[in-house]
Every structure is written in structure tokens, then in C-alpha cells.
C-alpha atoms as a PDB file:
ATOM      1  CA  MET A   1     -10.294  20.943  26.976  1.00  0.00           C
ATOM      2  CA  GLN A   2     -11.426  18.436  29.576  1.00  0.00           C
ATOM      3  CA  THR A   3     -12.384  15.825  26.964  1.00  0.00           C
ATOM      4  CA  THR A   4      -8.950  16.041  25.315  1.00  0.00           C
ATOM      5  CA  LYS A   5      -7.298  15.442  28.665  1.00  0.00           C
ATOM      6  CA  ASN A   6      -9.642  12.509  29.365  1.00  0.00           C
ATOM      7  CA  LYS A   7      -8.874  10.971  25.963  1.00  0.00           C
ATOM      8  CA  ARG A   8      -5.141  11.241  26.654  1.00  0.00           C
ATOM      9  CA  GLU A   9      -5.587   9.632  30.071  1.00  0.00           C
ATOM     10  CA  VAL A  10      -7.604   6.756  28.570  1.00  0.00           C
ATOM     11  CA  ARG A  11      -4.962   6.220  25.862  1.00  0.00           C
ATOM     12  CA  ALA A  12      -2.151   6.336  28.420  1.00  0.00           C
ATOM     13  CA  SER A  13      -4.023   3.849  30.608  1.00  0.00           C
ATOM     14  CA  ARG A  14      -4.573   1.474  27.673  1.00  0.00           C
ATOM     15  CA  ALA A  15      -0.948   1.795  26.543  1.00  0.00           C
ATOM     16  CA  SER A  16       0.396   1.011  30.002  1.00  0.00           C
ATOM     17  CA  THR A  17      -1.527  -2.284  30.013  1.00  0.00           C
ATOM     18  CA  ILE A  18       0.081  -3.532  26.782  1.00  0.00           C
ATOM     19  CA  ASP A  19       2.340  -6.485  27.517  1.00  0.00           C
ATOM     20  CA  PRO A  20       5.689  -5.939  25.697  1.00  0.00           C
ATOM     21  CA  ASP A  21       5.797  -9.623  24.739  1.00  0.00           C
ATOM     22  CA  ILE A  22       2.398  -9.361  23.055  1.00  0.00           C
ATOM     23  CA  ALA A  23       3.509  -6.216  21.228  1.00  0.00           C
ATOM     24  CA  ARG A  24       6.638  -8.015  19.979  1.00  0.00           C
ATOM     25  CA  ARG A  25       4.591 -11.076  18.885  1.00  0.00           C
ATOM     26  CA  PHE A  26       2.185  -8.761  17.095  1.00  0.00           C
ATOM     27  CA  ALA A  27       5.072  -7.042  15.279  1.00  0.00           C
ATOM     28  CA  SER A  28       6.542 -10.409  14.334  1.00  0.00           C
ATOM     29  CA  THR A  29       3.194 -11.662  13.018  1.00  0.00           C
ATOM     30  CA  VAL A  30       2.624  -8.505  10.988  1.00  0.00           C
ATOM     31  CA  SER A  31       6.147  -8.830   9.547  1.00  0.00           C
ATOM     32  CA  SER A  32       5.418 -12.424   8.540  1.00  0.00           C
ATOM     33  CA  VAL A  33       2.129 -11.380   6.928  1.00  0.00           C
ATOM     34  CA  ALA A  34       3.994  -8.689   4.977  1.00  0.00           C
ATOM     35  CA  ILE A  35       6.529 -11.249   3.752  1.00  0.00           C
ATOM     36  CA  PHE A  36       3.802 -13.627   2.557  1.00  0.00           C
ATOM     37  CA  LEU A  37       1.908 -10.776   0.863  1.00  0.00           C
ATOM     38  CA  ASP A  38       5.144  -9.826  -0.895  1.00  0.00           C
ATOM     39  CA  GLU A  39       5.613 -13.416  -2.074  1.00  0.00           C
ATOM     40  CA  ILE A  40       2.067 -13.443  -3.456  1.00  0.00           C
ATOM     41  CA  ARG A  41       2.772 -10.136  -5.211  1.00  0.00           C
ATOM     42  CA  GLN A  42       5.926 -11.681  -6.726  1.00  0.00           C
ATOM     43  CA  PHE A  43       3.896 -14.609  -8.138  1.00  0.00           C
ATOM     44  CA  ARG A  44       1.272 -12.265  -9.574  1.00  0.00           C
ATOM     45  CA  ALA A  45       3.953 -10.005 -11.046  1.00  0.00           C
ATOM     46  CA  LYS A  46       5.725 -12.945 -12.655  1.00  0.00           C
ATOM     47  CA  SER A  47       2.542 -13.877 -14.491  1.00  0.00           C
ATOM     48  CA  LEU A  48       2.628 -10.385 -16.065  1.00  0.00           C
ATOM     49  CA  GLY A  49       6.347 -10.615 -16.854  1.00  0.00           C
ATOM     50  CA  ILE A  50       7.311  -7.851 -14.411  1.00  0.00           C
ATOM     51  CA  SER A  51       8.939  -7.573 -10.980  1.00  0.00           C
ATOM     52  CA  GLY A  52       7.125  -7.441  -7.647  1.00  0.00           C
ATOM     53  CA  PRO A  53       7.927  -3.745  -7.117  1.00  0.00           C
ATOM     54  CA  GLN A  54       6.695  -2.984 -10.648  1.00  0.00           C
ATOM     55  CA  PHE A  55       3.476  -4.824  -9.857  1.00  0.00           C
ATOM     56  CA  ALA A  56       3.103  -2.734  -6.679  1.00  0.00           C
ATOM     57  CA  LEU A  57       3.586   0.380  -8.819  1.00  0.00           C
ATOM     58  CA  LEU A  58       0.857  -0.768 -11.251  1.00  0.00           C
ATOM     59  CA  MET A  59      -1.552  -1.495  -8.403  1.00  0.00           C
ATOM     60  CA  ALA A  60      -0.861   1.889  -6.798  1.00  0.00           C
ATOM     61  CA  VAL A  61      -1.507   3.687 -10.091  1.00  0.00           C
ATOM     62  CA  MET A  62      -4.700   1.694 -10.571  1.00  0.00           C
ATOM     63  CA  ASP A  63      -5.899   2.536  -7.046  1.00  0.00           C
ATOM     64  CA  LEU A  64      -4.903   6.218  -7.078  1.00  0.00           C
ATOM     65  CA  GLU A  65      -5.587   7.246 -10.659  1.00  0.00           C
ATOM     66  CA  GLN A  66      -8.842   9.160 -11.100  1.00  0.00           C
ATOM     67  CA  GLY A  67      -9.024   9.531 -14.865  1.00  0.00           C
ATOM     68  CA  GLU A  68      -6.317  12.159 -15.322  1.00  0.00           C
ATOM     69  CA  GLY A  69      -3.320  10.174 -14.129  1.00  0.00           C
ATOM     70  CA  VAL A  70      -1.544  10.268 -10.803  1.00  0.00           C
ATOM     71  CA  SER A  71       1.720  12.036 -10.072  1.00  0.00           C
ATOM     72  CA  ILE A  72       4.920  10.123  -9.557  1.00  0.00           C
ATOM     73  CA  ARG A  73       5.211  11.754  -6.128  1.00  0.00           C
ATOM     74  CA  HIS A  74       1.833  10.337  -5.023  1.00  0.00           C
ATOM     75  CA  VAL A  75       2.676   6.856  -6.296  1.00  0.00           C
ATOM     76  CA  ALA A  76       6.048   6.973  -4.517  1.00  0.00           C
ATOM     77  CA  LYS A  77       4.361   7.937  -1.264  1.00  0.00           C
ATOM     78  CA  ALA A  78       1.806   5.122  -1.638  1.00  0.00           C
ATOM     79  CA  VAL A  79       4.462   2.432  -2.163  1.00  0.00           C
ATOM     80  CA  HIS A  80       6.942   4.006   0.296  1.00  0.00           C
ATOM     81  CA  VAL A  81       9.824   4.524  -2.106  1.00  0.00           C
ATOM     82  CA  ASP A  82      11.777   7.436  -3.500  1.00  0.00           C
ATOM     83  CA  PRO A  83      10.184   9.179  -6.516  1.00  0.00           C
ATOM     84  CA  SER A  84      13.325   8.464  -8.577  1.00  0.00           C
ATOM     85  CA  PHE A  85      12.557   4.737  -8.262  1.00  0.00           C
ATOM     86  CA  ILE A  86       9.039   5.316  -9.617  1.00  0.00           C
ATOM     87  CA  THR A  87      10.454   7.419 -12.467  1.00  0.00           C
ATOM     88  CA  THR A  88      12.887   4.662 -13.482  1.00  0.00           C
ATOM     89  CA  GLN A  89      10.406   1.804 -13.130  1.00  0.00           C
ATOM     90  CA  SER A  90       7.569   3.659 -14.857  1.00  0.00           C
ATOM     91  CA  LYS A  91       9.829   4.243 -17.871  1.00  0.00           C
ATOM     92  CA  LEU A  92      10.503   0.490 -18.027  1.00  0.00           C
ATOM     93  CA  LEU A  93       6.775  -0.256 -17.701  1.00  0.00           C
ATOM     94  CA  GLU A  94       6.046   2.305 -20.415  1.00  0.00           C
ATOM     95  CA  LYS A  95       8.414   0.428 -22.759  1.00  0.00           C
ATOM     96  CA  LYS A  96       6.430  -2.760 -22.000  1.00  0.00           C
ATOM     97  CA  GLY A  97       3.230  -0.924 -22.877  1.00  0.00           C
ATOM     98  CA  LEU A  98       1.757  -1.128 -19.362  1.00  0.00           C
ATOM     99  CA  ILE A  99       2.017   2.515 -18.222  1.00  0.00           C
ATOM    100  CA  ARG A 100       1.327   5.835 -19.887  1.00  0.00           C
ATOM    101  CA  ARG A 101       3.450   8.778 -18.777  1.00  0.00           C
ATOM    102  CA  GLN A 102       2.165  12.284 -19.492  1.00  0.00           C
ATOM    103  CA  VAL A 103       3.436  15.698 -18.530  1.00  0.00           C
ATOM    104  CA  ASP A 104       0.810  17.499 -16.441  1.00  0.00           C
ATOM    105  CA  SER A 105      -0.931  20.170 -18.514  1.00  0.00           C
ATOM    106  CA  HIS A 106      -0.928  22.549 -15.518  1.00  0.00           C
ATOM    107  CA  ASP A 107       2.657  21.987 -14.360  1.00  0.00           C
ATOM    108  CA  ALA A 108       5.308  20.751 -16.796  1.00  0.00           C
ATOM    109  CA  ARG A 109       7.500  19.610 -13.874  1.00  0.00           C
ATOM    110  CA  VAL A 110       4.947  16.930 -12.945  1.00  0.00           C
ATOM    111  CA  VAL A 111       4.650  13.609 -14.756  1.00  0.00           C
ATOM    112  CA  LYS A 112       1.367  11.769 -14.350  1.00  0.00           C
ATOM    113  CA  LEU A 113       1.000   8.031 -14.707  1.00  0.00           C
ATOM    114  CA  SER A 114      -1.952   5.969 -15.846  1.00  0.00           C
ATOM    115  CA  LEU A 115      -2.411   2.349 -16.834  1.00  0.00           C
ATOM    116  CA  SER A 116      -2.564   1.429 -20.488  1.00  0.00           C
ATOM    117  CA  ASP A 117      -5.395  -0.608 -21.960  1.00  0.00           C
ATOM    118  CA  LYS A 118      -2.930  -3.502 -22.193  1.00  0.00           C
ATOM    119  CA  ALA A 119      -2.283  -3.295 -18.428  1.00  0.00           C
ATOM    120  CA  TYR A 120      -6.009  -3.240 -17.641  1.00  0.00           C
ATOM    121  CA  LYS A 121      -6.538  -6.318 -19.839  1.00  0.00           C
ATOM    122  CA  GLN A 122      -3.669  -8.210 -18.229  1.00  0.00           C
ATOM    123  CA  ILE A 123      -4.811  -7.302 -14.717  1.00  0.00           C
ATOM    124  CA  ALA A 124      -8.375  -8.320 -15.602  1.00  0.00           C
ATOM    125  CA  GLY A 125      -6.946 -11.664 -16.697  1.00  0.00           C
ATOM    126  CA  LEU A 126      -5.747 -12.176 -13.127  1.00  0.00           C
ATOM    127  CA  ALA A 127      -9.160 -11.374 -11.593  1.00  0.00           C
ATOM    128  CA  THR A 128     -10.478 -14.952 -11.368  1.00  0.00           C
ATOM    129  CA  GLU A 129      -7.255 -16.171  -9.774  1.00  0.00           C
ATOM    130  CA  GLU A 130      -7.325 -13.222  -7.365  1.00  0.00           C
ATOM    131  CA  GLN A 131     -10.925 -13.982  -6.361  1.00  0.00           C
ATOM    132  CA  GLU A 132     -10.073 -17.629  -5.682  1.00  0.00           C
ATOM    133  CA  LEU A 133      -6.995 -16.622  -3.708  1.00  0.00           C
ATOM    134  CA  ASN A 134      -8.966 -14.087  -1.647  1.00  0.00           C
ATOM    135  CA  ARG A 135     -11.683 -16.655  -1.003  1.00  0.00           C
ATOM    136  CA  PHE A 136      -9.044 -19.076   0.295  1.00  0.00           C
ATOM    137  CA  ILE A 137      -7.157 -16.491   2.379  1.00  0.00           C
ATOM    138  CA  PHE A 138     -10.229 -14.903   3.939  1.00  0.00           C
ATOM    139  CA  GLU A 139     -12.570 -17.930   4.091  1.00  0.00           C
ATOM    140  CA  GLU A 140     -12.803 -17.707   7.886  1.00  0.00           C
ATOM    141  CA  THR A 141     -13.147 -13.927   7.910  1.00  0.00           C
ATOM    142  CA  GLY A 142     -16.390 -12.307   6.846  1.00  0.00           C
ATOM    143  CA  GLY A 143     -16.446  -9.172   4.725  1.00  0.00           C
ATOM    144  CA  GLU A 144     -17.495  -6.995   7.655  1.00  0.00           C
ATOM    145  CA  ALA A 145     -14.734  -8.376   9.896  1.00  0.00           C
ATOM    146  CA  LEU A 146     -12.194  -7.865   7.116  1.00  0.00           C
ATOM    147  CA  GLU A 147     -13.350  -4.274   6.687  1.00  0.00           C
ATOM    148  CA  GLN A 148     -13.011  -3.681  10.448  1.00  0.00           C
ATOM    149  CA  LEU A 149      -9.544  -5.236  10.501  1.00  0.00           C
ATOM    150  CA  THR A 150      -8.517  -3.089   7.539  1.00  0.00           C
ATOM    151  CA  LEU A 151      -9.705   0.050   9.336  1.00  0.00           C
ATOM    152  CA  GLN A 152      -7.838  -0.926  12.502  1.00  0.00           C
ATOM    153  CA  LEU A 153      -4.655  -1.648  10.575  1.00  0.00           C
ATOM    154  CA  GLY A 154      -5.011   1.700   8.784  1.00  0.00           C
ATOM    155  CA  GLU A 155      -5.231   3.434  12.153  1.00  0.00           C
ATOM    156  CA  LEU A 156      -2.204   1.469  13.336  1.00  0.00           C
ATOM    157  CA  GLN A 157      -0.334   2.465  10.184  1.00  0.00           C
ATOM    158  CA  ASN A 158      -1.023   6.129  10.951  1.00  0.00           C
ATOM    159  CA  ARG A 159       0.180   5.683  14.545  1.00  0.00           C
ATOM    160  CA  LEU A 160       3.324   3.900  13.366  1.00  0.00           C
ATOM    161  CA  GLU A 161       4.042   6.692  10.904  1.00  0.00           C
ATOM    162  CA  LYS A 162       3.714   9.224  13.731  1.00  0.00           C
ATOM    163  CA  ALA A 163       5.918   7.035  15.928  1.00  0.00           C
ATOM    164  CA  THR A 164       8.675   7.032  13.319  1.00  0.00           C
ATOM    165  CA  VAL A 165       8.505  10.829  13.169  1.00  0.00           C
ATOM    166  CA  LYS A 166       8.754  10.945  16.971  1.00  0.00           C
ATOM    167  CA  LEU A 167      11.731   8.596  16.965  1.00  0.00           C
ATOM    168  CA  ALA A 168      13.443  10.575  14.207  1.00  0.00           C
ATOM    169  CA  SER A 169      13.073  13.765  16.235  1.00  0.00           C
ATOM    170  CA  GLY A 170      14.438  12.127  19.388  1.00  0.00           C
ATOM    171  CA  LEU A 171      11.115  11.425  21.151  1.00  0.00           C
END
């Protein structure tokens, strides 16, 4: 019990030392990074003949799928959109031959998505360009530092998600 209280006190102490201007600059910088990442996604999507959101859907399926497909609900959560959007877009991507949609054998209400062989080939075709782009973007950041930054941003993402829940419930 004492350690939990101490952890809360340390967090409260750290939080009270955060300059609001720095927090705002941080938020602005992160927003700018998100915009540039979205622009890069749009360029990559265009090379596959799809939209940026469709590309995000493909990448989420590729990352989440473990050999038996991934549910629309899980993909929607990963890309922060409503499942109906994933349903609509996955049907369009299925028509283009990039996604496979299958009814779950255990629950007929669930549709699972997986990438087609065509999608894997097209994404593999982007690999060299992606490596060059990553080399350019992260040339001054080592792999270990990038991993640490990714972990810190993941923790921040979790805190922001909790903050939105707090705000929605009236703090």
C-alpha cells in the first residue's frame, strides 16, 4: 500500500513540474508528425492504387493477422475507426484482390480479414523504398533509441486514452 502511495506522489510531483507551454509545444509537434506520417501513407497508398485509409487498413491486417485472419472489430480498434468503415473498405479491397474476407468458423457473426497473395506481393514491392525512406527519416536515431522512443510513445498513447476516458466521464 505504501509503495502505491509513493508512486502516486512521485507522479503528481513530476506532473506539477510540467510547463504548460512545453506540453502544448509537444502536442503541436506530435500533431505535425502525425500529419507528415499521413502524407507518407498517402504516397505509399497511391502507388498501390488505393486510398490512405485503405493502406492503413492493409497495414493493420498485416500487423495483426496471425494466420487465421483478424476480426473487423480488432482492425477497427487498431486504426481508430468504426467497424462499419472497415466493413465497407474491406469489401472494396476484396474487389481489388487485396483482402480476403472469411466468416469465422466458430462464430458466423464475425468476419475475419487477411491479406491476399497479391497484396503481399505489392507490399513487398514497396520494401526497398520503405527501407530507404526509414534510413533517411531515422538516420540520426539509432535502432535502440528508436525502440525506446516507440515504447515511450506507446506509454503516452495509453495515458492519453485514459485521459480521454476521464474527460468523457467529467474528470
